[in-house]
Amino acid sequence: MKYSFKCPAPCNYEIKVDAQNDDDAMNKFIAAGKVHAKEAHPNTTPMSEQKMKDMFKAGMKKG
């Protein structure tokens, strides 16, 4: 199944993953999110993994 997540404004970068289920999608979002944050938002304070999970859970879309 395809999942997507859009980085909050003003960034609006979209992360798309193929995953078996919500947990698999979450793990892939966290991995991709860490890379994106490092590259696109190097001057922001790093988020804890739990905070990332909460953000992805609230904003991820299936399909």
N, C-alpha and C. Protein backbone atom coordinates (compact mmCIF):
# COMPACT_ATOMS: atom_id res chain seq x y z
N MET A 1 0.84 -1.17 0.00
CA MET A 1 0.00 0.00 0.00
C MET A 1 0.89 1.24 0.00
N LYS A 2 0.42 2.28 -0.65
CA LYS A 2 1.16 3.53 -0.70
C LYS A 2 0.72 4.46 0.44
N TYR A 3 1.68 5.14 1.02
CA TYR A 3 1.44 6.11 2.08
C TYR A 3 2.17 7.40 1.71
N SER A 4 1.64 8.51 2.20
CA SER A 4 2.32 9.78 1.97
C SER A 4 2.21 10.67 3.20
N PHE A 5 3.14 11.60 3.28
CA PHE A 5 3.16 12.58 4.37
C PHE A 5 3.76 13.86 3.82
N LYS A 6 3.15 14.98 4.13
CA LYS A 6 3.66 16.27 3.68
C LYS A 6 4.27 17.00 4.87
N CYS A 7 5.53 17.39 4.72
CA CYS A 7 6.24 18.16 5.75
C CYS A 7 5.45 19.45 6.00
N PRO A 8 5.33 19.85 7.26
CA PRO A 8 4.56 21.07 7.56
C PRO A 8 5.08 22.30 6.82
N ALA A 9 4.17 23.23 6.58
CA ALA A 9 4.50 24.51 5.91
C ALA A 9 5.56 25.24 6.72
N PRO A 10 6.43 25.94 6.12
CA PRO A 10 6.45 26.33 4.72
C PRO A 10 7.16 25.32 3.81
N CYS A 11 7.66 24.23 4.34
CA CYS A 11 8.43 23.27 3.54
C CYS A 11 7.54 22.56 2.50
N ASN A 12 6.53 21.86 2.99
CA ASN A 12 5.59 21.12 2.14
C ASN A 12 6.20 20.01 1.30
N TYR A 13 7.40 19.55 1.66
CA TYR A 13 8.02 18.42 0.97
C TYR A 13 7.18 17.17 1.23
N GLU A 14 6.94 16.37 0.19
CA GLU A 14 6.12 15.18 0.36
C GLU A 14 6.99 13.94 0.37
N ILE A 15 6.79 13.11 1.39
CA ILE A 15 7.47 11.83 1.51
C ILE A 15 6.46 10.76 1.12
N LYS A 16 6.83 9.88 0.20
CA LYS A 16 5.97 8.79 -0.23
C LYS A 16 6.69 7.48 0.00
N VAL A 17 5.97 6.49 0.55
CA VAL A 17 6.56 5.18 0.79
C VAL A 17 5.57 4.09 0.40
N ASP A 18 6.10 2.93 0.05
CA ASP A 18 5.31 1.72 -0.13
C ASP A 18 5.54 0.88 1.11
N ALA A 19 4.46 0.45 1.74
CA ALA A 19 4.59 -0.29 3.00
C ALA A 19 3.53 -1.39 3.11
N GLN A 20 3.84 -2.39 3.91
CA GLN A 20 2.92 -3.51 4.13
C GLN A 20 1.75 -3.13 5.04
N ASN A 21 2.03 -2.21 6.00
CA ASN A 21 1.01 -1.82 6.98
C ASN A 21 1.42 -0.49 7.61
N ASP A 22 0.60 0.00 8.54
CA ASP A 22 0.87 1.29 9.18
C ASP A 22 2.21 1.31 9.92
N ASP A 23 2.54 0.21 10.60
CA ASP A 23 3.81 0.17 11.34
C ASP A 23 5.02 0.22 10.39
N ASP A 24 4.92 -0.51 9.30
CA ASP A 24 5.98 -0.50 8.30
C ASP A 24 6.12 0.91 7.70
N ALA A 25 4.99 1.54 7.42
CA ALA A 25 5.01 2.91 6.89
C ALA A 25 5.66 3.86 7.88
N MET A 26 5.32 3.72 9.16
CA MET A 26 5.88 4.60 10.19
C MET A 26 7.40 4.47 10.23
N ASN A 27 7.90 3.23 10.19
CA ASN A 27 9.35 3.02 10.21
C ASN A 27 10.02 3.65 9.00
N LYS A 28 9.39 3.54 7.84
CA LYS A 28 9.95 4.13 6.63
C LYS A 28 9.88 5.66 6.66
N PHE A 29 8.78 6.21 7.20
CA PHE A 29 8.66 7.66 7.34
C PHE A 29 9.73 8.20 8.28
N ILE A 30 9.97 7.52 9.38
CA ILE A 30 10.97 7.97 10.34
C ILE A 30 12.35 7.99 9.68
N ALA A 31 12.70 6.93 8.96
CA ALA A 31 14.00 6.88 8.28
C ALA A 31 14.11 8.00 7.25
N ALA A 32 13.09 8.17 6.43
CA ALA A 32 13.12 9.22 5.40
C ALA A 32 13.07 10.61 6.04
N GLY A 33 12.30 10.74 7.12
CA GLY A 33 12.18 12.02 7.79
C GLY A 33 13.48 12.50 8.40
N LYS A 34 14.26 11.58 8.93
CA LYS A 34 15.56 11.94 9.50
C LYS A 34 16.49 12.47 8.42
N VAL A 35 16.49 11.82 7.27
CA VAL A 35 17.33 12.27 6.16
C VAL A 35 16.85 13.63 5.66
N HIS A 36 15.54 13.77 5.47
CA HIS A 36 14.99 15.04 4.99
C HIS A 36 15.31 16.18 5.97
N ALA A 37 15.11 15.94 7.25
CA ALA A 37 15.36 16.98 8.25
C ALA A 37 16.82 17.42 8.21
N LYS A 38 17.72 16.47 8.10
CA LYS A 38 19.15 16.78 8.08
C LYS A 38 19.53 17.60 6.85
N GLU A 39 18.92 17.26 5.70
CA GLU A 39 19.24 17.95 4.45
C GLU A 39 18.51 19.28 4.29
N ALA A 40 17.22 19.31 4.61
CA ALA A 40 16.40 20.49 4.33
C ALA A 40 16.26 21.44 5.52
N HIS A 41 16.45 20.92 6.72
CA HIS A 41 16.26 21.73 7.92
C HIS A 41 17.44 21.58 8.89
N PRO A 42 18.65 21.84 8.42
CA PRO A 42 19.83 21.58 9.25
C PRO A 42 19.94 22.46 10.50
N ASN A 43 19.26 23.59 10.51
CA ASN A 43 19.37 24.51 11.64
C ASN A 43 18.26 24.37 12.67
N THR A 44 17.38 23.36 12.48
CA THR A 44 16.32 23.15 13.46
C THR A 44 16.77 22.13 14.50
N THR A 45 16.19 22.22 15.68
CA THR A 45 16.50 21.26 16.74
C THR A 45 15.95 19.89 16.34
N PRO A 46 16.77 18.85 16.42
CA PRO A 46 16.29 17.51 16.05
C PRO A 46 15.10 17.08 16.92
N MET A 47 14.14 16.40 16.29
CA MET A 47 12.96 15.90 16.99
C MET A 47 13.26 14.54 17.59
N SER A 48 12.63 14.26 18.71
CA SER A 48 12.74 12.92 19.27
C SER A 48 11.98 11.96 18.36
N GLU A 49 12.29 10.68 18.45
CA GLU A 49 11.59 9.70 17.61
C GLU A 49 10.10 9.68 17.94
N GLN A 50 9.75 9.84 19.22
CA GLN A 50 8.33 9.83 19.59
C GLN A 50 7.60 11.03 19.00
N LYS A 51 8.25 12.18 18.98
CA LYS A 51 7.64 13.37 18.41
C LYS A 51 7.45 13.19 16.90
N MET A 52 8.43 12.55 16.25
CA MET A 52 8.30 12.27 14.83
C MET A 52 7.14 11.31 14.58
N LYS A 53 7.03 10.27 15.41
CA LYS A 53 5.93 9.31 15.27
C LYS A 53 4.58 10.02 15.40
N ASP A 54 4.46 10.89 16.39
CA ASP A 54 3.21 11.62 16.59
C ASP A 54 2.88 12.49 15.37
N MET A 55 3.89 13.16 14.83
CA MET A 55 3.69 14.02 13.67
C MET A 55 3.28 13.20 12.45
N PHE A 56 3.98 12.09 12.20
CA PHE A 56 3.65 11.25 11.05
C PHE A 56 2.27 10.61 11.21
N LYS A 57 1.97 10.15 12.42
CA LYS A 57 0.67 9.51 12.66
C LYS A 57 -0.47 10.48 12.38
N ALA A 58 -0.30 11.73 12.77
CA ALA A 58 -1.34 12.74 12.58
C ALA A 58 -1.50 13.13 11.11
N GLY A 59 -0.42 13.03 10.33
CA GLY A 59 -0.49 13.55 8.97
C GLY A 59 -0.35 12.55 7.84
N MET A 60 -0.11 11.26 8.16
CA MET A 60 0.09 10.32 7.06
C MET A 60 -1.23 9.95 6.42
N LYS A 61 -1.16 9.73 5.11
CA LYS A 61 -2.34 9.37 4.34
C LYS A 61 -2.09 8.07 3.60
N LYS A 62 -3.11 7.24 3.54
CA LYS A 62 -3.03 5.98 2.78
C LYS A 62 -3.58 6.21 1.39
N GLY A 63 -2.93 5.54 0.43
CA GLY A 63 -3.47 5.58 -0.93
C GLY A 63 -2.83 6.56 -1.84
